[in-house]
Amino acid sequence: MISENQLGTVWAPRLLSVLRIMAALLFMAHGTMKLFGFPDSGRPSPELFSLMGFAGTLEIVGGALLVIGLFTRPVAFILSGMMAVAYFMAHAPQGFHPIQNGGESAILFCFVFLYLVAAGAGSWSIDAARRQAS
């Protein structure tokens, strides 16, 4: 049985890493769908130098950086802001309730990334390895 102390000191940083990695992989799927049509969304790919193209690029590049845990805090800050903007630009005008306007994932990503700004990358990350090396 895991003690409460072990849960907080040993497992919390590891589970933070798992949260970061899984959220980033799911986030990257939005970018690959926008830019590469995978998985197929049924929509044409946007121009790379459009707002949607920029969003897709941030989703892929930012997501990849979060997966490996490199520059987690600044990347998560940028992506959190991006998701707040995405919610208010694309979802909020379609209705008040997030479950009805399709914005629940944007809100969830926004707050998970905001949490990563404060919490950092966790123990399984390049950020943690760089901190230990110095």
Protein backbone atom coordinates (compact mmCIF):
# COMPACT_ATOMS: atom_id res chain seq x y z
CA MET A 1 0.00 0.00 0.00
CA ILE A 2 1.25 3.47 -0.87
CA SER A 3 1.52 5.88 2.03
CA GLU A 4 0.16 9.41 1.75
CA ASN A 5 3.71 10.72 1.98
CA GLN A 6 4.84 8.54 -0.95
CA LEU A 7 1.82 9.60 -2.95
CA GLY A 8 2.73 13.27 -2.53
CA THR A 9 6.50 13.13 -2.80
CA VAL A 10 7.14 10.25 -5.21
CA TRP A 11 4.02 9.79 -7.30
CA ALA A 12 2.65 13.35 -7.64
CA PRO A 13 5.57 14.57 -9.83
CA ARG A 14 5.34 11.41 -11.95
CA LEU A 15 1.58 11.74 -12.40
CA LEU A 16 2.06 15.41 -13.26
CA SER A 17 4.32 14.21 -16.07
CA VAL A 18 1.67 11.73 -17.23
CA LEU A 19 -0.95 14.51 -17.25
CA ARG A 20 1.39 16.78 -19.23
CA ILE A 21 2.25 14.09 -21.78
CA MET A 22 -1.33 12.90 -22.35
CA ALA A 23 -2.75 16.42 -22.59
CA ALA A 24 -0.01 17.37 -25.05
CA LEU A 25 -0.59 14.30 -27.24
CA LEU A 26 -4.32 14.99 -27.37
CA PHE A 27 -3.59 18.65 -28.12
CA MET A 28 -1.21 17.72 -30.94
CA ALA A 29 -3.98 15.70 -32.57
CA HIS A 30 -5.88 18.95 -33.11
CA GLY A 31 -2.87 20.38 -34.95
CA THR A 32 -2.26 17.31 -37.10
CA MET A 33 -5.94 17.29 -38.02
CA LYS A 34 -5.78 20.96 -39.04
CA LEU A 35 -2.49 20.89 -40.94
CA PHE A 36 -2.15 17.32 -42.22
CA GLY A 37 -5.74 16.12 -42.35
CA PHE A 38 -4.97 13.30 -39.91
CA PRO A 39 -7.19 12.07 -38.50
CA ASP A 40 -9.56 13.14 -41.25
CA SER A 41 -11.86 15.96 -40.16
CA GLY A 42 -13.70 16.26 -43.46
CA ARG A 43 -12.50 19.87 -43.73
CA PRO A 44 -9.83 21.21 -46.07
CA SER A 45 -6.47 22.11 -44.51
CA PRO A 46 -6.13 25.83 -43.83
CA GLU A 47 -3.49 28.06 -45.36
CA LEU A 48 -0.34 27.86 -43.25
CA PHE A 49 -0.23 31.66 -42.85
CA SER A 50 -3.81 31.98 -41.68
CA LEU A 51 -5.18 32.10 -38.14
CA MET A 52 -6.09 28.40 -38.29
CA GLY A 53 -2.71 27.53 -39.80
CA PHE A 54 -0.98 29.43 -37.01
CA ALA A 55 -3.15 27.64 -34.43
CA GLY A 56 -2.30 24.26 -35.97
CA THR A 57 1.40 25.09 -35.91
CA LEU A 58 1.21 26.11 -32.24
CA GLU A 59 -0.71 22.92 -31.45
CA ILE A 60 1.92 20.71 -33.08
CA VAL A 61 5.10 22.53 -32.00
CA GLY A 62 3.83 23.50 -28.55
CA GLY A 63 2.37 20.05 -28.02
CA ALA A 64 5.66 18.39 -28.99
CA LEU A 65 7.59 20.61 -26.56
CA LEU A 66 5.14 19.71 -23.80
CA VAL A 67 5.39 15.98 -24.59
CA ILE A 68 9.14 16.04 -23.99
CA GLY A 69 8.84 18.58 -21.17
CA LEU A 70 11.06 21.27 -22.65
CA PHE A 71 10.36 24.92 -21.75
CA THR A 72 7.14 23.70 -20.16
CA ARG A 73 6.16 26.82 -18.26
CA PRO A 74 6.48 29.40 -21.08
CA VAL A 75 5.00 27.02 -23.67
CA ALA A 76 2.08 26.14 -21.41
CA PHE A 77 1.48 29.86 -20.78
CA ILE A 78 1.29 30.57 -24.53
CA LEU A 79 -0.96 27.58 -25.19
CA SER A 80 -3.25 28.43 -22.28
CA GLY A 81 -3.74 31.90 -23.70
CA MET A 82 -4.28 30.47 -27.15
CA MET A 83 -7.05 28.23 -25.83
CA ALA A 84 -8.72 31.14 -24.03
CA VAL A 85 -8.69 33.14 -27.26
CA ALA A 86 -9.94 30.11 -29.23
CA TYR A 87 -12.82 29.68 -26.82
CA PHE A 88 -13.93 33.30 -26.96
CA MET A 89 -13.44 33.63 -30.73
CA ALA A 90 -14.83 30.31 -31.95
CA HIS A 91 -17.05 28.83 -29.26
CA ALA A 92 -18.57 31.52 -27.04
CA PRO A 93 -20.36 33.26 -29.94
CA GLN A 94 -22.24 30.00 -30.61
CA GLY A 95 -23.91 30.00 -27.18
CA PHE A 96 -23.34 30.46 -23.47
CA HIS A 97 -22.89 26.86 -22.28
CA PRO A 98 -19.61 25.18 -23.22
CA ILE A 99 -21.23 21.78 -23.64
CA GLN A 100 -23.57 23.29 -26.24
CA ASN A 101 -21.08 25.51 -28.05
CA GLY A 102 -18.41 22.77 -28.34
CA GLY A 103 -15.88 24.64 -26.23
CA GLU A 104 -15.41 22.26 -23.32
CA SER A 105 -12.10 20.88 -24.64
CA ALA A 106 -10.77 24.42 -25.22
CA ILE A 107 -11.62 25.34 -21.63
CA LEU A 108 -10.11 22.13 -20.27
CA PHE A 109 -6.88 22.58 -22.27
CA CYS A 110 -6.72 26.21 -21.14
CA PHE A 111 -6.85 25.31 -17.46
CA VAL A 112 -4.62 22.22 -17.69
CA PHE A 113 -1.98 24.33 -19.41
CA LEU A 114 -2.45 27.11 -16.86
CA TYR A 115 -1.84 24.54 -14.12
CA LEU A 116 1.36 23.44 -15.89
CA VAL A 117 2.57 27.06 -15.81
CA ALA A 118 2.47 26.91 -12.01
CA ALA A 119 3.33 23.24 -11.44
CA GLY A 120 6.02 22.75 -14.06
CA ALA A 121 6.72 19.65 -16.09
CA GLY A 122 7.00 16.97 -13.43
CA SER A 123 9.84 14.55 -12.86
CA TRP A 124 9.83 12.86 -16.29
CA SER A 125 10.88 15.81 -18.43
CA ILE A 126 13.84 17.48 -20.06
CA ASP A 127 13.20 20.47 -17.80
CA ALA A 128 13.72 18.25 -14.73
CA ALA A 129 16.86 16.68 -16.24
CA ARG A 130 18.30 20.11 -17.04
CA ARG A 131 17.55 21.30 -13.49
CA GLN A 132 19.35 18.26 -12.01
CA ALA A 133 22.35 18.72 -14.29
CA SER A 134 22.94 22.29 -13.16
